[in-house]
Protein backbone atom coordinates (compact mmCIF):
# COMPACT_ATOMS: atom_id res chain seq x y z
CA MET A 1 -0.01 0.37 -0.29
CA SER A 2 3.23 2.43 1.15
CA LEU A 3 4.23 1.94 -3.00
CA SER A 4 0.86 3.23 -4.45
CA TRP A 5 0.63 6.26 -2.30
CA LEU A 6 4.53 6.56 -3.62
CA VAL A 7 3.37 6.52 -6.74
CA LEU A 8 0.05 8.82 -6.43
CA GLY A 9 2.63 11.44 -4.69
CA ALA A 10 5.14 10.97 -7.61
CA ILE A 11 2.00 11.81 -9.97
CA ALA A 12 0.63 15.19 -7.85
CA VAL A 13 4.72 16.08 -7.74
CA TRP A 14 4.94 15.73 -11.86
CA ALA A 15 1.23 17.84 -12.08
CA LEU A 16 2.60 20.75 -10.07
CA ILE A 17 5.63 20.94 -12.21
CA ARG A 18 3.90 20.68 -15.58
CA LEU A 19 1.52 23.61 -13.52
CA GLY A 20 4.21 26.26 -13.21
CA ARG A 21 5.56 25.80 -17.09
CA HIS A 22 2.34 26.30 -19.15
CA SER A 23 3.51 30.05 -20.97
CA GLU A 24 0.61 30.51 -23.17
CA ARG A 25 -2.56 32.14 -24.06
CA ARG A 26 -4.46 32.67 -20.79
CA GLY A 27 -7.42 30.12 -22.84
CA ARG A 28 -4.73 27.66 -23.55
CA ALA A 29 -3.03 27.75 -20.29
CA GLN A 30 -6.20 26.75 -18.34
CA TRP A 31 -6.65 24.08 -20.33
CA ARG A 32 -3.86 22.51 -19.57
CA VAL A 33 -4.38 23.34 -15.92
CA ALA A 34 -7.64 20.97 -16.14
CA ALA A 35 -5.83 18.05 -18.39
CA THR A 36 -3.15 18.22 -16.39
CA LEU A 37 -5.05 17.77 -12.80
CA PHE A 38 -7.48 15.34 -14.78
CA SER A 39 -4.76 13.19 -15.88
CA ALA A 40 -3.27 12.48 -12.93
CA VAL A 41 -6.52 11.75 -11.72
CA LEU A 42 -7.22 9.35 -14.08
CA ILE A 43 -3.56 8.04 -13.91
CA GLY A 44 -3.73 7.47 -10.19
CA ALA A 45 -7.08 5.48 -10.11
CA GLY A 46 -5.47 3.46 -13.32
CA VAL A 47 -2.28 2.83 -10.65
CA LEU A 48 -5.16 1.74 -7.28
CA LEU A 49 -6.72 -0.60 -10.26
CA ALA A 50 -3.49 -1.96 -11.24
CA PHE A 51 -2.52 -2.68 -7.37
CA ARG A 52 -6.46 -4.15 -7.07
CA GLY A 53 -5.88 -6.57 -9.65
CA ALA A 54 -8.19 -4.91 -12.00
CA TRP A 55 -6.07 -4.95 -15.61
CA LEU A 56 -8.12 -4.08 -18.20
CA PRO A 57 -10.07 -0.73 -16.31
CA ALA A 58 -6.42 0.03 -14.86
CA VAL A 59 -4.77 0.11 -18.57
CA GLY A 60 -7.89 1.98 -19.74
CA LEU A 61 -7.64 4.88 -16.95
CA ALA A 62 -4.44 5.26 -17.46
CA GLY A 63 -4.24 4.41 -21.31
CA ALA A 64 -6.40 7.51 -21.67
CA GLY A 65 -4.75 9.45 -18.52
CA LEU A 66 -1.68 9.85 -20.86
CA TRP A 67 -3.18 10.80 -24.15
CA LEU A 68 -5.06 13.59 -22.52
CA THR A 69 -1.58 14.76 -20.78
CA VAL A 70 0.03 14.32 -24.52
CA ALA A 71 -3.21 16.10 -26.17
CA SER A 72 -2.96 18.66 -23.68
CA ARG A 73 0.80 19.51 -24.83
CA GLN A 74 0.77 19.92 -28.54
CA ARG A 75 1.55 22.96 -29.31
CA ILE A 76 -0.64 24.77 -32.87
CA VAL A 77 1.98 25.22 -35.29
CA VAL A 78 1.30 28.25 -37.69
CA PRO A 79 2.18 27.50 -41.47
CA HIS A 80 4.84 29.36 -43.15
CA GLY A 81 2.74 30.52 -46.70
CA GLU A 82 3.08 32.41 -49.07
CA ALA A 83 4.44 35.94 -48.49
CA MET A 84 2.11 39.11 -47.75
CA SER A 85 0.64 41.67 -49.88
CA ALA A 86 0.73 44.88 -49.19
CA ALA A 87 -2.80 44.93 -49.27
CA GLU A 88 -3.36 42.15 -46.30
CA ALA A 89 -0.12 44.00 -44.05
CA ARG A 90 -2.35 47.44 -44.25
CA SER A 91 -5.39 45.59 -43.44
CA LEU A 92 -3.86 43.60 -40.87
CA LEU A 93 -2.29 46.77 -39.43
CA GLY A 94 -5.17 49.18 -40.30
CA VAL A 95 -3.36 51.48 -42.09
CA THR A 96 -4.39 53.09 -44.95
CA ALA A 97 -2.10 52.83 -48.55
CA ALA A 98 -0.47 56.23 -47.82
CA ALA A 99 0.44 55.83 -43.53
CA THR A 100 3.95 57.01 -43.09
CA PRO A 101 6.39 54.42 -41.14
CA GLN A 102 5.91 56.50 -37.87
CA GLU A 103 1.97 55.16 -38.20
CA ILE A 104 3.16 51.87 -39.51
CA ASN A 105 5.03 51.53 -36.05
CA ALA A 106 2.13 52.91 -34.15
CA ALA A 107 0.26 50.95 -35.15
CA TRP A 108 2.63 47.79 -34.90
CA LYS A 109 3.13 48.67 -31.22
CA ARG A 110 -0.78 49.28 -30.61
CA LEU A 111 -1.18 45.59 -31.86
CA MET A 112 1.56 44.03 -30.66
CA GLY A 113 0.56 44.89 -27.01
CA ARG A 114 -2.35 43.27 -26.97
CA ALA A 115 -1.05 40.00 -29.59
CA HIS A 116 2.53 39.47 -28.24
CA PRO A 117 2.29 35.90 -26.67
CA ASP A 118 3.64 37.26 -23.47
CA GLN A 119 0.76 39.81 -22.69
CA GLY A 120 -1.78 36.62 -23.45
CA GLY A 121 -1.04 36.43 -27.31
CA THR A 122 -0.27 34.03 -29.84
CA GLU A 123 2.55 33.15 -31.50
CA GLY A 124 1.33 33.18 -34.97
CA LEU A 125 -0.62 36.53 -34.45
CA ALA A 126 2.41 38.32 -33.53
CA SER A 127 4.33 36.37 -36.15
CA ARG A 128 1.56 37.90 -38.78
CA LEU A 129 2.30 41.68 -37.04
CA ASN A 130 5.89 41.24 -37.63
CA ALA A 131 5.70 40.28 -41.06
CA ALA A 132 2.98 42.76 -41.71
CA ARG A 133 5.22 45.73 -40.16
CA ASP A 134 7.99 44.04 -42.33
CA ARG A 135 6.57 44.44 -45.40
CA LEU A 136 5.53 47.79 -45.18
CA LEU A 137 8.46 48.73 -43.44
CA LYS A 138 11.02 47.39 -45.93
CA PRO A 139 10.82 47.82 -49.62
């Protein structure tokens, strides 16, 4: 019985370590917290059932917990497609065709303040804003 408590303690430590590592937008981070706790419960229940001899439900619960762990840790990859057109860049930044470099930088800074991953935004949107600014400012 002490081995089962040791396993449950290890799962709790693993969950706490994992909770401290989330650094993406707020909604995704909350999903990872909930998934971590639920997967720890599933794995713990699977371990307890395995100690009691119920192997089939134990494997099912532990497998579901491991799947949830892996699924909640996968990152969304934004494909880098074709180059952004000037019209698309202006639309994304919300500037006119006659915008000066100062206006473009001001619009970029305003939008990046909300879209940066450290401020709760996403990496994909931040990279698109950077690409739009670079498209309009660089020849």
